[in-house]
């Protein structure tokens, strides 16, 4: 899943800022599932309320 891979990348980038959060997230598949589901829902809501302009490059 592309979203989950991207989310993992973001957590790795932030590892230095919060090592405990990184360790917990990477070692607990249940936490990964909860975070992925929540953030996925938030992203879906945001895009469904305000669809991106097809003329703009993707983020």
Protein backbone atom coordinates (compact mmCIF):
# COMPACT_ATOMS: atom_id res chain seq x y z
CA UNK A 1 0.00 0.00 0.00
CA UNK A 2 1.54 3.30 -1.11
CA UNK A 3 0.03 5.31 1.76
CA UNK A 4 1.47 2.99 4.41
CA UNK A 5 4.92 3.08 2.79
CA UNK A 6 4.84 6.87 2.70
CA UNK A 7 3.69 7.01 6.32
CA UNK A 8 6.56 4.74 7.34
CA UNK A 9 8.98 7.03 5.51
CA UNK A 10 7.64 10.04 7.39
CA UNK A 11 8.07 8.28 10.71
CA UNK A 12 11.65 7.34 9.83
CA UNK A 13 12.43 10.96 8.92
CA UNK A 14 11.02 12.09 12.26
CA UNK A 15 12.84 9.40 14.23
CA UNK A 16 15.47 11.78 15.54
CA UNK A 17 12.80 14.14 16.88
CA UNK A 18 10.92 11.50 18.82
CA UNK A 19 12.69 8.18 19.12
CA UNK A 20 10.08 6.65 21.46
CA UNK A 21 7.22 7.36 19.07
CA UNK A 22 9.27 5.93 16.22
CA UNK A 23 10.17 2.80 18.20
CA UNK A 24 6.58 2.23 19.32
CA UNK A 25 5.17 2.79 15.83
CA UNK A 26 7.68 0.57 14.05
CA UNK A 27 7.48 -2.26 16.60
CA UNK A 28 3.71 -2.41 17.02
CA UNK A 29 1.72 -3.43 13.94
CA UNK A 30 -1.49 -2.64 15.86
CA UNK A 31 -0.37 0.96 16.34
CA UNK A 32 0.59 1.19 12.67
CA UNK A 33 -2.89 0.01 11.73
CA UNK A 34 -4.64 2.53 14.01
CA UNK A 35 -2.49 5.45 12.85
CA UNK A 36 -2.78 4.48 9.16
CA UNK A 37 -6.55 4.12 9.40
CA UNK A 38 -7.01 7.43 11.21
CA UNK A 39 -4.74 9.44 8.93
CA UNK A 40 -6.20 7.79 5.83
CA UNK A 41 -9.70 8.80 6.92
CA UNK A 42 -8.56 12.37 7.59
CA UNK A 43 -6.92 12.63 4.18
CA UNK A 44 -10.00 11.20 2.47
CA UNK A 45 -12.26 13.68 4.27
CA UNK A 46 -10.05 16.61 3.37
CA UNK A 47 -9.83 15.68 -0.32
CA UNK A 48 -13.51 14.82 -0.61
CA UNK A 49 -14.46 18.22 0.84
CA UNK A 50 -11.93 20.16 -1.20
CA UNK A 51 -10.86 18.20 -4.30
CA UNK A 52 -7.42 19.09 -5.64
CA UNK A 53 -7.10 21.27 -8.71
CA UNK A 54 -6.12 18.96 -11.60
CA UNK A 55 -3.94 21.77 -13.00
CA UNK A 56 -1.70 21.75 -9.90
CA UNK A 57 1.09 19.17 -9.52
CA UNK A 58 0.49 16.47 -6.88
CA UNK A 59 1.89 17.03 -3.42
